Amino acid sequence: MTSVRITRTALTRGALAALSGLLAGFAALTAAELVSAAVRPEASPVTAVGGAAVDRTPAGVKDWAIRTFGESDKLVLQLGIVATLALFAVAVGLLALRHRRTGSTAVLAFGAVGAAAALGRPDSTGFTDALPSLTGAVAGAVLLYVLVGRLTAPRAHPQGEGGWDRRGFLVAAAAAAAASTAAGALGRTLNSRGAQDAIASRDAVRLPAPASPAQPIPAGARLRVPGLSPFTTPNDRFYRVDTALVVPKVDANTWRLRLHGLGVRRELEFTYRELLDRPLIEREITLCCVSNEVGGPYIGHARWIGVRLADLLKEAGVKPPSRGGKADQIIARSVDGMTLGTPVEDVMDGRDAMLAVGMNGEPLPFTHGFPVRMLVPGLYGYVSACKWIEDIELTTFADYDAYWVKRKWARKAPIKTQSRIDTPKPFGRPEEGTVMVAGVAWAQHRGIEKVEIRVDDGPWRPAQLAERSTVDTWRQWSYPWRATPGGHTLTVRATDGTGETQTEQRTGTVPDGASGWHSVVVTVE
């Protein structure tokens, strides 16, 4: 009986030690959340460590995460970090039961990791970014030391049983849980106040009428085929691919944009209002992510309004390399430290490159870059579409590698000619008879001139193209297929405005975008 009682006591103490570790970890995170409200939300340990993990993840792994989890990849990462912290906390709690000081020291060491991650972020503002992680670590270490002390209290305690202070532990654990919950709630409330200012600044925006409005979308550019992607993508359905674990909420009233660097004769700085007061252009432009696999969803179309970027560069005295300019690369920097490198020549060759302030008739959504983002038709987003932009520096490709280039992606990335079958869906079971095959094709800044469909290994047949809007937009297409019973493979390919037909060669997205023909397998009943 004595040995059984000892075993049960040991198991109970072990479980409570694990709980102590979890409570200490919870206290550390909530204390850090509270301190980050006084520093900045991006300095919280989960965000800092998550950002560091994203920065150090190989391109192939990032691509896999985007393919597997889509726009939930950041949530999955954050949940993974929290789960890892929970396992670490349990292990530290068990360690502290045997080596009390060592366990508490381990919490401090883990806090140092969070502090280092915060200081190493591209948008770090200095030593204060380390304070949330360090403060949280101290809070967690002290709490763990106190709780485990209750589990190892001497027998002299009248409440004790088996050599530990049961009542003292329960009181301390309950108080710690309550205090941590309150600290976390307060931290979230304080952090949300800054976001509220940004939300209010966006709500107050009234976009001016553009000096150069977009041409109306031709009625024939929109096909009425069930299952076909709409010509204009609604803002809430527009794809989002970026590295921001927490979407920046920037107050338009305090936002500034600086333009400087090589070949700039006069540095410029703009407020949001100053950009709105300039002549604005409105254009239909289709954007595409380099992580979009053949047939993938990371492409969308919107009507954008903004300031022509070439005009700002000319005002600063910048010339393209073809006219003797010193800089051949624009480095666009986001408020979260992201850097994108764009060829100066492409921005100043006459295309509608812009600093966008509006999307589909409203101010940019926060997820798509409010207050200002950059976009350049014809280039993949990772070299052209900087969201939450705050700095433009003129430099050279020889002197500076932007974020993705450092991770083995190509320096220059024109969008490849691609096409996609939207309907019928893969493994669909359409009925025998006429089946409408339809989809979209794109080759921004070159335009689409022809789309062809092949059934199984048969000949290529021309699809019916919707009317073209502009060379910077995708183009819908359809093909009435006389379907016969059985399994079939439908394949599509497109030819762009230069006469180049997309290649059959299948490649992955790294280093400059996927290529290959999209196909779907269906069974006709």
Protein backbone atom coordinates (compact mmCIF):
# COMPACT_ATOMS: atom_id res chain seq x y z
CA MET A 1 0.00 0.00 0.00
CA THR A 2 2.83 2.36 0.86
CA SER A 3 4.50 1.86 -2.53
CA VAL A 4 1.19 2.39 -4.34
CA ARG A 5 0.63 5.63 -2.40
CA ILE A 6 4.17 6.79 -3.25
CA THR A 7 3.63 6.00 -6.92
CA ARG A 8 0.33 7.90 -7.03
CA THR A 9 1.93 10.84 -5.25
CA ALA A 10 4.80 10.85 -7.72
CA LEU A 11 2.42 10.75 -10.66
CA THR A 12 0.35 13.57 -9.20
CA ARG A 13 3.38 15.72 -8.58
CA GLY A 14 4.64 15.01 -12.10
CA ALA A 15 1.31 16.04 -13.63
CA LEU A 16 1.24 19.21 -11.53
CA ALA A 17 4.83 19.96 -12.48
CA ALA A 18 3.81 19.73 -16.14
CA LEU A 19 0.88 22.02 -15.35
CA SER A 20 3.31 24.41 -13.64
CA GLY A 21 5.34 24.56 -16.83
CA LEU A 22 2.22 25.31 -18.88
CA LEU A 23 1.12 28.03 -16.47
CA ALA A 24 4.61 29.53 -16.56
CA GLY A 25 4.58 29.51 -20.35
CA PHE A 26 1.12 31.07 -20.39
CA ALA A 27 2.27 33.76 -17.97
CA ALA A 28 5.33 34.45 -20.10
CA LEU A 29 3.27 34.91 -23.27
CA THR A 30 0.62 37.10 -21.66
CA ALA A 31 3.20 39.26 -19.90
CA ALA A 32 5.00 39.65 -23.22
CA GLU A 33 1.70 40.57 -24.89
CA LEU A 34 1.13 43.26 -22.28
CA VAL A 35 4.63 44.72 -22.66
CA SER A 36 4.39 44.61 -26.46
CA ALA A 37 1.49 47.05 -26.19
CA ALA A 38 3.96 49.60 -24.82
CA VAL A 39 6.61 48.70 -27.42
CA ARG A 40 4.83 47.53 -30.59
CA PRO A 41 2.69 44.46 -31.37
CA GLU A 42 5.23 43.07 -33.85
CA ALA A 43 7.74 42.61 -30.99
CA SER A 44 5.65 39.94 -29.25
CA PRO A 45 7.56 36.62 -29.07
CA VAL A 46 5.15 34.52 -31.14
CA THR A 47 5.20 37.08 -33.95
CA ALA A 48 8.97 37.61 -33.72
CA VAL A 49 9.85 33.92 -33.60
CA GLY A 50 7.32 33.17 -36.34
CA GLY A 51 8.80 35.88 -38.54
CA ALA A 52 12.29 34.54 -37.94
CA ALA A 53 11.08 31.05 -38.86
CA VAL A 54 9.55 32.37 -42.09
CA ASP A 55 12.78 34.21 -42.96
CA ARG A 56 14.89 31.08 -42.46
CA THR A 57 12.57 28.59 -44.13
CA PRO A 58 13.89 27.31 -47.50
CA ALA A 59 11.95 28.48 -50.55
CA GLY A 60 10.81 24.94 -51.36
CA VAL A 61 9.31 24.50 -47.90
CA LYS A 62 7.51 27.84 -48.14
CA ASP A 63 6.11 26.83 -51.50
CA TRP A 64 4.91 23.53 -50.00
CA ALA A 65 3.23 25.39 -47.13
CA ILE A 66 1.42 27.71 -49.54
CA ARG A 67 0.29 24.75 -51.69
CA THR A 68 -0.82 22.72 -48.68
CA PHE A 69 -2.38 25.31 -46.41
CA GLY A 70 -3.10 28.18 -48.79
CA GLU A 71 -3.77 31.48 -47.04
CA SER A 72 -3.95 29.61 -43.70
CA ASP A 73 -0.20 28.96 -43.78
CA LYS A 74 0.50 31.72 -41.24
CA LEU A 75 -2.17 30.45 -38.85
CA VAL A 76 -0.70 26.96 -39.11
CA LEU A 77 2.75 28.35 -38.33
CA GLN A 78 1.48 30.27 -35.31
CA LEU A 79 -0.37 27.22 -34.01
CA GLY A 80 2.79 25.18 -34.52
CA ILE A 81 4.81 27.70 -32.50
CA VAL A 82 2.27 27.66 -29.67
CA ALA A 83 2.22 23.84 -29.68
CA THR A 84 6.02 23.74 -29.57
CA LEU A 85 6.03 26.21 -26.69
CA ALA A 86 3.49 24.06 -24.85
CA LEU A 87 5.65 20.95 -25.21
CA PHE A 88 8.70 22.91 -24.11
CA ALA A 89 6.78 24.23 -21.11
CA VAL A 90 5.76 20.73 -20.05
CA ALA A 91 9.34 19.51 -20.35
CA VAL A 92 10.66 22.47 -18.37
CA GLY A 93 8.07 21.89 -15.65
CA LEU A 94 9.16 18.27 -15.27
CA LEU A 95 12.80 19.35 -15.26
CA ALA A 96 12.12 21.94 -12.57
CA LEU A 97 10.59 19.28 -10.31
CA ARG A 98 14.03 17.71 -10.04
CA HIS A 99 16.19 20.78 -10.65
CA ARG A 100 14.20 23.84 -9.68
CA ARG A 101 16.73 26.50 -10.64
CA THR A 102 17.71 24.77 -13.86
CA GLY A 103 14.08 24.69 -15.00
CA SER A 104 13.62 28.39 -14.30
CA THR A 105 16.88 29.16 -16.08
CA ALA A 106 15.63 27.26 -19.13
CA VAL A 107 12.63 29.61 -19.29
CA LEU A 108 14.99 32.59 -19.23
CA ALA A 109 17.07 31.04 -22.01
CA PHE A 110 14.00 30.56 -24.17
CA GLY A 111 13.09 34.19 -23.57
CA ALA A 112 16.52 35.15 -24.85
CA VAL A 113 15.72 33.27 -28.07
CA GLY A 114 12.56 35.34 -28.50
CA ALA A 115 14.47 38.55 -27.80
CA ALA A 116 17.12 37.64 -30.37
CA ALA A 117 14.41 36.87 -32.93
CA ALA A 118 12.77 40.25 -32.31
CA LEU A 119 16.06 42.13 -32.62
CA GLY A 120 16.93 40.25 -35.79
CA ARG A 121 13.75 41.17 -37.65
CA PRO A 122 14.18 43.53 -40.63
CA ASP A 123 11.73 45.99 -39.10
CA SER A 124 13.33 45.98 -35.65
CA THR A 125 13.34 49.40 -34.01
CA GLY A 126 16.11 48.62 -31.53
CA PHE A 127 16.65 47.09 -28.09
CA THR A 128 13.11 47.85 -26.95
CA ASP A 129 11.90 45.07 -29.27
CA ALA A 130 13.59 42.58 -26.92
CA LEU A 131 11.68 43.80 -23.86
CA PRO A 132 8.46 41.77 -24.38
CA SER A 133 10.30 38.45 -24.66
CA LEU A 134 12.68 39.23 -21.77
CA THR A 135 9.92 40.48 -19.48
CA GLY A 136 7.76 37.49 -20.28
CA ALA A 137 10.65 35.12 -19.63
CA VAL A 138 11.32 36.63 -16.20
CA ALA A 139 7.62 36.39 -15.29
CA GLY A 140 7.49 32.76 -16.43
CA ALA A 141 10.71 31.81 -14.66
CA VAL A 142 9.62 33.35 -11.34
CA LEU A 143 6.20 31.70 -11.53
CA LEU A 144 7.70 28.30 -12.31
CA TYR A 145 10.11 28.64 -9.39
CA VAL A 146 7.23 29.49 -7.02
CA LEU A 147 4.87 26.76 -8.22
CA VAL A 148 7.45 24.00 -8.18
CA GLY A 149 8.45 25.21 -4.72
CA ARG A 150 4.93 24.27 -3.57
CA LEU A 151 5.42 20.80 -4.97
CA THR A 152 8.67 20.31 -3.11
CA ALA A 153 7.60 21.90 0.19
CA PRO A 154 8.78 20.13 3.39
CA ARG A 155 6.47 17.81 5.32
CA ALA A 156 6.16 20.39 8.08
CA HIS A 157 3.36 22.08 6.14
CA PRO A 158 0.12 21.10 7.86
CA GLN A 159 -1.68 21.06 4.48
CA GLY A 160 0.97 18.89 2.97
CA GLU A 161 0.57 15.30 1.93
CA GLY A 162 3.48 13.21 0.80
CA GLY A 163 5.93 16.08 1.23
CA TRP A 164 4.28 18.88 -0.77
CA ASP A 165 1.95 21.82 -0.17
CA ARG A 166 -1.23 20.87 -2.05
CA ARG A 167 -3.36 23.82 -0.93
CA GLY A 168 -0.56 26.32 -1.45
CA PHE A 169 0.01 25.01 -4.97
CA LEU A 170 -3.65 25.19 -5.94
CA VAL A 171 -4.00 28.74 -4.60
CA ALA A 172 -0.84 29.91 -6.37
CA ALA A 173 -1.80 28.16 -9.64
CA ALA A 174 -5.30 29.63 -9.64
CA ALA A 175 -3.99 33.11 -8.90
CA ALA A 176 -1.37 32.81 -11.64
CA ALA A 177 -3.92 31.65 -14.19
CA ALA A 178 -6.26 34.52 -13.32
CA ALA A 179 -3.51 37.13 -13.39
CA SER A 180 -2.12 35.83 -16.69
CA THR A 181 -5.56 35.84 -18.30
CA ALA A 182 -6.14 39.40 -17.16
CA ALA A 183 -2.71 40.51 -18.42
CA GLY A 184 -3.33 38.89 -21.79
CA ALA A 185 -6.73 40.51 -22.13
CA LEU A 186 -5.33 43.90 -21.20
CA GLY A 187 -2.45 43.48 -23.64
CA ARG A 188 -4.79 42.60 -26.49
CA THR A 189 -7.01 45.56 -25.66
CA LEU A 190 -4.11 48.00 -25.60
CA ASN A 191 -2.64 46.57 -28.81
CA SER A 192 -5.99 46.91 -30.54
CA ARG A 193 -6.13 50.64 -29.78
CA GLY A 194 -3.38 51.37 -32.29
CA ALA A 195 -5.24 49.27 -34.81
CA GLN A 196 -8.40 51.26 -34.12
CA ASP A 197 -6.61 54.48 -35.13
CA ALA A 198 -5.61 52.84 -38.41
CA ILE A 199 -9.12 51.55 -39.00
CA ALA A 200 -10.54 55.02 -38.33
CA SER A 201 -8.07 56.58 -40.76
CA ARG A 202 -9.14 54.16 -43.48
CA ASP A 203 -12.84 54.72 -42.77
CA ALA A 204 -12.29 58.46 -43.23
CA VAL A 205 -10.77 58.09 -46.73
CA ARG A 206 -12.78 59.28 -49.70
CA LEU A 207 -10.94 58.42 -52.88
CA PRO A 208 -10.84 61.30 -55.39
CA ALA A 209 -12.06 60.83 -58.92
CA PRO A 210 -9.13 59.72 -61.09
CA ALA A 211 -7.66 62.20 -63.53
CA SER A 212 -7.21 59.28 -65.93
CA PRO A 213 -10.12 56.85 -65.44
CA ALA A 214 -10.02 53.24 -66.60
CA GLN A 215 -11.80 52.36 -69.80
CA PRO A 216 -15.08 50.50 -69.20
CA ILE A 217 -14.73 46.73 -69.25
CA PRO A 218 -16.24 45.55 -72.56
CA ALA A 219 -19.47 43.66 -72.10
CA GLY A 220 -18.02 40.81 -74.11
CA ALA A 221 -15.09 40.43 -71.70
CA ARG A 222 -17.35 38.68 -69.19
CA LEU A 223 -18.57 35.23 -70.16
CA ARG A 224 -21.60 33.74 -68.45
CA VAL A 225 -20.44 30.22 -67.83
CA PRO A 226 -21.23 28.52 -64.50
CA GLY A 227 -18.03 27.70 -62.62
CA LEU A 228 -15.92 30.27 -64.46
CA SER A 229 -13.91 32.74 -62.36
CA PRO A 230 -15.49 36.22 -62.43
CA PHE A 231 -13.60 38.74 -64.51
CA THR A 232 -13.22 41.06 -61.50
CA THR A 233 -12.18 39.36 -58.27
CA PRO A 234 -14.00 40.70 -55.18
CA ASN A 235 -11.64 42.14 -52.58
CA ASP A 236 -12.57 39.56 -49.97
CA ARG A 237 -11.75 36.74 -52.40
CA PHE A 238 -8.54 38.20 -53.79
CA TYR A 239 -5.56 35.98 -53.02
CA ARG A 240 -3.13 36.95 -50.28
CA VAL A 241 0.46 35.66 -50.19
CA ASP A 242 2.99 37.47 -48.00
CA THR A 243 5.22 36.86 -44.99
CA ALA A 244 3.36 39.04 -42.47
CA LEU A 245 2.17 36.91 -39.54
CA VAL A 246 0.25 39.93 -38.27
CA VAL A 247 -1.32 42.14 -40.93
CA PRO A 248 0.12 45.64 -40.43
CA LYS A 249 -2.52 48.21 -39.60
CA VAL A 250 -0.98 51.52 -40.55
CA ASP A 251 -2.50 54.86 -39.62
CA ALA A 252 -2.78 56.85 -42.85
CA ASN A 253 -2.49 60.08 -40.87
CA THR A 254 1.04 59.28 -39.70
CA TRP A 255 2.22 57.29 -42.74
CA ARG A 256 5.09 58.69 -44.80
CA LEU A 257 6.81 57.56 -48.01
CA ARG A 258 10.44 58.42 -48.71
CA LEU A 259 11.99 58.32 -52.20
CA HIS A 260 15.81 58.45 -52.29
CA GLY A 261 18.96 56.72 -53.51
CA LEU A 262 21.26 56.41 -56.49
CA GLY A 263 20.56 58.86 -59.29
CA VAL A 264 18.00 60.80 -57.27
CA ARG A 265 18.66 64.52 -57.68
CA ARG A 266 16.02 65.55 -55.16
CA GLU A 267 14.83 63.32 -52.33
CA LEU A 268 11.07 63.33 -51.89
CA GLU A 269 8.74 62.54 -49.02
CA PHE A 270 4.99 62.19 -49.27
CA THR A 271 2.09 61.98 -46.86
CA TYR A 272 -0.98 59.98 -47.73
CA ARG A 273 -2.99 63.13 -48.34
CA GLU A 274 -0.31 64.49 -50.66
CA LEU A 275 -0.56 61.34 -52.79
CA LEU A 276 -4.35 61.61 -52.93
CA ASP A 277 -4.04 65.22 -54.05
CA ARG A 278 -1.91 64.27 -57.06
CA PRO A 279 -3.40 63.28 -60.44
CA LEU A 280 -4.54 59.66 -60.03
CA ILE A 281 -4.79 56.96 -62.67
CA GLU A 282 -7.31 54.13 -62.64
CA ARG A 283 -6.48 50.86 -64.40
CA GLU A 284 -7.66 47.28 -64.82
CA ILE A 285 -4.72 45.06 -63.83
CA THR A 286 -4.44 41.34 -63.14
CA LEU A 287 -1.94 40.32 -60.46
CA CYS A 288 -0.28 36.93 -60.13
CA CYS A 289 1.91 35.38 -57.44
CA VAL A 290 5.10 33.56 -58.38
CA SER A 291 3.99 30.76 -56.01
CA ASN A 292 1.04 30.03 -58.29
CA GLU A 293 1.44 26.52 -59.62
CA VAL A 294 0.04 25.45 -62.99
CA GLY A 295 -3.72 25.72 -62.60
CA GLY A 296 -3.33 27.38 -59.20
CA PRO A 297 -5.56 29.97 -57.47
CA TYR A 298 -3.05 32.73 -56.70
CA ILE A 299 -4.15 35.13 -59.39
CA GLY A 300 -6.83 37.81 -59.35
CA HIS A 301 -8.08 40.85 -61.18
CA ALA A 302 -9.05 44.25 -59.80
CA ARG A 303 -9.56 47.86 -60.79
CA TRP A 304 -6.78 49.85 -59.12
CA ILE A 305 -6.42 53.57 -58.54
CA GLY A 306 -3.17 55.27 -57.65
CA VAL A 307 -0.30 57.58 -58.54
CA ARG A 308 1.81 56.77 -61.57
CA LEU A 309 5.17 55.69 -60.15
CA ALA A 310 7.18 56.85 -63.15
CA ASP A 311 5.97 60.41 -62.55
CA LEU A 312 7.35 60.38 -59.00
CA LEU A 313 10.68 59.00 -60.19
CA LYS A 314 10.97 61.65 -62.89
CA GLU A 315 10.12 64.34 -60.36
CA ALA A 316 13.03 63.10 -58.24
CA GLY A 317 15.33 63.30 -61.27
CA VAL A 318 15.58 59.56 -61.90
CA LYS A 319 16.34 58.31 -65.40
CA PRO A 320 16.02 54.71 -66.63
CA PRO A 321 19.27 52.90 -67.54
CA SER A 322 18.37 53.14 -71.25
CA ARG A 323 18.65 56.93 -70.93
CA GLY A 324 21.80 57.02 -68.86
CA GLY A 325 20.32 56.50 -65.41
CA LYS A 326 22.64 55.27 -62.67
CA ALA A 327 20.15 52.95 -60.94
CA ASP A 328 18.67 49.85 -62.50
CA GLN A 329 16.76 48.58 -59.44
CA ILE A 330 14.07 49.99 -57.17
CA ILE A 331 14.06 48.61 -53.63
CA ALA A 332 10.60 48.97 -52.13
CA ARG A 333 10.45 48.55 -48.34
CA SER A 334 7.37 47.69 -46.36
CA VAL A 335 6.59 48.77 -42.81
CA ASP A 336 7.30 45.18 -41.72
CA GLY A 337 10.80 45.24 -43.24
CA MET A 338 10.02 43.28 -46.42
CA THR A 339 12.12 44.34 -49.44
CA LEU A 340 11.19 43.87 -53.10
CA GLY A 341 13.46 44.64 -56.04
CA THR A 342 11.96 45.98 -59.29
CA PRO A 343 13.71 46.88 -62.57
CA VAL A 344 13.70 50.67 -63.05
CA GLU A 345 13.42 50.16 -66.81
CA ASP A 346 10.13 48.28 -66.46
CA VAL A 347 8.63 50.94 -64.22
CA MET A 348 9.56 53.75 -66.61
CA ASP A 349 8.85 52.09 -69.98
CA GLY A 350 5.32 53.47 -70.24
CA ARG A 351 3.35 50.75 -68.50
CA ASP A 352 0.90 51.67 -65.75
CA ALA A 353 3.15 51.01 -62.75
CA MET A 354 1.64 52.76 -59.76
CA LEU A 355 1.50 53.36 -56.06
CA ALA A 356 -2.04 52.12 -55.54
CA VAL A 357 -4.37 53.64 -52.95
CA GLY A 358 -7.62 52.01 -54.03
CA MET A 359 -8.90 48.60 -55.09
CA ASN A 360 -12.24 47.95 -56.77
CA GLY A 361 -13.64 51.33 -55.80
CA GLU A 362 -12.60 51.46 -52.15
CA PRO A 363 -9.43 52.25 -50.17
CA LEU A 364 -7.04 49.32 -50.12
CA PRO A 365 -8.04 46.66 -47.58
CA PHE A 366 -5.46 46.19 -44.82
CA THR A 367 -4.68 42.70 -46.10
CA HIS A 368 -3.83 44.17 -49.49
CA GLY A 369 -1.58 46.99 -48.36
CA PHE A 370 -3.47 49.96 -46.91
CA PRO A 371 -2.61 52.77 -47.06
CA VAL A 372 -0.39 52.36 -50.14
CA ARG A 373 1.01 49.48 -52.15
CA MET A 374 3.10 49.27 -55.29
CA LEU A 375 2.22 47.26 -58.39
CA VAL A 376 3.80 46.88 -61.82
CA PRO A 377 1.81 45.14 -64.58
CA GLY A 378 3.57 42.18 -66.14
CA LEU A 379 5.81 41.28 -63.19
CA TYR A 380 5.23 38.68 -60.50
CA GLY A 381 4.27 40.14 -57.15
CA TYR A 382 7.49 39.29 -55.35
CA VAL A 383 9.40 41.78 -57.53
CA SER A 384 6.70 44.41 -57.95
CA ALA A 385 3.78 44.43 -55.54
CA CYS A 386 5.13 45.73 -52.22
CA LYS A 387 2.29 46.11 -49.71
CA TRP A 388 2.34 48.63 -46.83
CA ILE A 389 5.16 50.42 -48.65
CA GLU A 390 7.00 53.21 -46.81
CA ASP A 391 10.36 53.57 -48.59
CA ILE A 392 11.62 53.58 -52.19
CA GLU A 393 15.36 53.42 -52.72
CA LEU A 394 17.11 53.57 -56.09
CA THR A 395 20.08 51.20 -56.34
CA THR A 396 21.54 48.51 -58.62
CA PHE A 397 21.07 44.77 -58.90
CA ALA A 398 24.82 44.41 -58.44
CA ASP A 399 24.76 46.25 -55.11
CA TYR A 400 21.66 44.90 -53.39
CA ASP A 401 19.68 41.64 -53.25
CA ALA A 402 16.09 41.96 -52.07
CA TYR A 403 14.43 39.54 -49.62
CA TRP A 404 13.39 36.83 -52.09
CA VAL A 405 16.55 37.07 -54.20
CA LYS A 406 18.58 36.25 -51.10
CA ARG A 407 16.45 33.10 -50.93
CA LYS A 408 17.38 31.96 -54.46
CA TRP A 409 14.48 33.42 -56.42
CA ALA A 410 15.23 35.19 -59.69
CA ARG A 411 16.12 38.90 -59.71
CA LYS A 412 13.82 39.64 -62.64
CA ALA A 413 10.50 37.87 -63.00
CA PRO A 414 8.20 38.71 -65.92
CA ILE A 415 4.93 36.80 -65.68
CA LYS A 416 4.85 33.69 -67.86
CA THR A 417 2.08 32.97 -70.33
CA GLN A 418 -0.38 30.67 -68.55
CA SER A 419 -3.91 29.31 -68.84
CA ARG A 420 -6.25 27.47 -66.50
CA ILE A 421 -9.37 25.32 -66.78
CA ASP A 422 -11.97 26.46 -64.25
CA THR A 423 -14.78 24.18 -65.31
CA PRO A 424 -15.32 21.24 -65.33
CA LYS A 425 -13.46 20.64 -62.08
CA PRO A 426 -10.83 17.90 -61.71
CA PHE A 427 -12.47 14.48 -61.32
CA GLY A 428 -15.83 15.98 -62.23
CA ARG A 429 -18.59 13.77 -63.63
CA PRO A 430 -20.36 15.77 -66.35
CA GLU A 431 -23.20 14.21 -68.32
CA GLU A 432 -22.88 13.10 -71.92
CA GLY A 433 -23.56 15.78 -74.50
CA THR A 434 -22.32 19.34 -74.88
CA VAL A 435 -20.17 20.33 -71.92
CA MET A 436 -18.89 23.88 -71.69
CA VAL A 437 -15.19 23.91 -70.88
CA ALA A 438 -14.08 27.35 -69.68
CA GLY A 439 -11.31 29.15 -67.89
CA VAL A 440 -8.90 32.06 -67.94
CA ALA A 441 -5.57 32.80 -69.61
CA TRP A 442 -3.05 35.53 -68.83
CA ALA A 443 0.17 37.09 -70.07
CA GLN A 444 0.11 40.52 -68.45
CA HIS A 445 1.51 43.36 -70.53
CA ARG A 446 1.60 41.11 -73.61
CA GLY A 447 -2.02 40.04 -73.77
CA ILE A 448 -3.61 36.76 -74.88
CA GLU A 449 -4.24 36.15 -78.57
CA LYS A 450 -5.24 32.49 -78.68
CA VAL A 451 -6.36 29.66 -76.40
CA GLU A 452 -6.55 26.04 -77.52
CA ILE A 453 -8.12 22.93 -76.02
CA ARG A 454 -7.14 19.29 -76.49
CA VAL A 455 -9.25 16.30 -75.51
CA ASP A 456 -7.13 13.29 -74.60
CA ASP A 457 -4.45 12.96 -77.31
CA GLY A 458 -6.55 14.54 -80.03
CA PRO A 459 -5.79 17.66 -82.07
CA TRP A 460 -5.71 21.14 -80.60
CA ARG A 461 -8.95 23.04 -81.13
CA PRO A 462 -9.35 26.84 -80.84
CA ALA A 463 -11.39 28.03 -77.88
CA GLN A 464 -13.71 31.01 -78.08
CA LEU A 465 -12.03 34.05 -76.52
CA ALA A 466 -13.94 36.65 -74.59
CA GLU A 467 -13.36 40.22 -75.72
CA ARG A 468 -10.07 41.67 -74.51
CA SER A 469 -10.14 44.39 -71.87
CA THR A 470 -6.46 45.44 -71.91
CA VAL A 471 -3.08 43.75 -72.35
CA ASP A 472 -2.67 43.88 -68.56
CA THR A 473 -5.76 41.78 -67.81
CA TRP A 474 -6.50 38.12 -68.00
CA ARG A 475 -8.88 36.83 -70.64
CA GLN A 476 -11.75 34.42 -70.27
CA TRP A 477 -12.34 31.64 -72.79
CA SER A 478 -14.79 28.81 -73.44
CA TYR A 479 -15.08 25.70 -75.58
CA PRO A 480 -18.26 23.68 -76.23
CA TRP A 481 -17.10 20.07 -75.95
CA ARG A 482 -19.23 17.23 -77.26
CA ALA A 483 -18.52 14.84 -74.43
CA THR A 484 -18.73 11.09 -74.90
CA PRO A 485 -19.00 8.54 -72.07
CA GLY A 486 -15.84 7.46 -70.28
CA GLY A 487 -12.73 9.01 -68.81
CA HIS A 488 -11.13 11.98 -70.57
CA THR A 489 -8.23 14.39 -70.06
CA LEU A 490 -8.79 18.02 -71.01
CA THR A 491 -5.70 20.17 -71.62
CA VAL A 492 -5.37 23.89 -72.33
CA ARG A 493 -2.61 26.11 -73.68
CA ALA A 494 -2.44 29.81 -74.58
CA THR A 495 -0.54 32.01 -77.00
CA ASP A 496 0.36 35.56 -76.01
CA GLY A 497 0.43 38.81 -77.95
CA THR A 498 4.01 38.25 -79.11
CA GLY A 499 3.06 34.96 -80.76
CA GLU A 500 4.72 32.79 -78.13
CA THR A 501 2.77 29.69 -77.07
CA GLN A 502 3.15 28.58 -73.47
CA THR A 503 5.57 25.72 -73.07
CA GLU A 504 4.56 22.17 -72.29
CA GLN A 505 7.64 21.74 -70.09
CA ARG A 506 6.47 21.42 -66.51
CA THR A 507 8.55 23.31 -63.95
CA GLY A 508 8.00 24.29 -60.34
CA THR A 509 7.56 27.79 -59.08
CA VAL A 510 11.20 28.33 -58.02
CA PRO A 511 13.05 30.41 -59.19
CA ASP A 512 10.86 32.45 -61.56
CA GLY A 513 7.39 30.94 -61.75
CA ALA A 514 5.76 27.68 -62.84
CA SER A 515 5.32 26.61 -66.45
CA GLY A 516 3.44 23.82 -68.21
CA TRP A 517 -0.02 23.01 -69.54
CA HIS A 518 -2.95 22.70 -67.19
CA SER A 519 -5.13 19.63 -67.53
CA VAL A 520 -8.07 18.06 -65.71
CA VAL A 521 -9.36 14.50 -65.71
CA VAL A 522 -13.12 13.95 -65.85
CA THR A 523 -15.50 11.04 -66.21
CA VAL A 524 -18.45 11.53 -68.55
CA GLU A 525 -21.56 9.62 -67.50
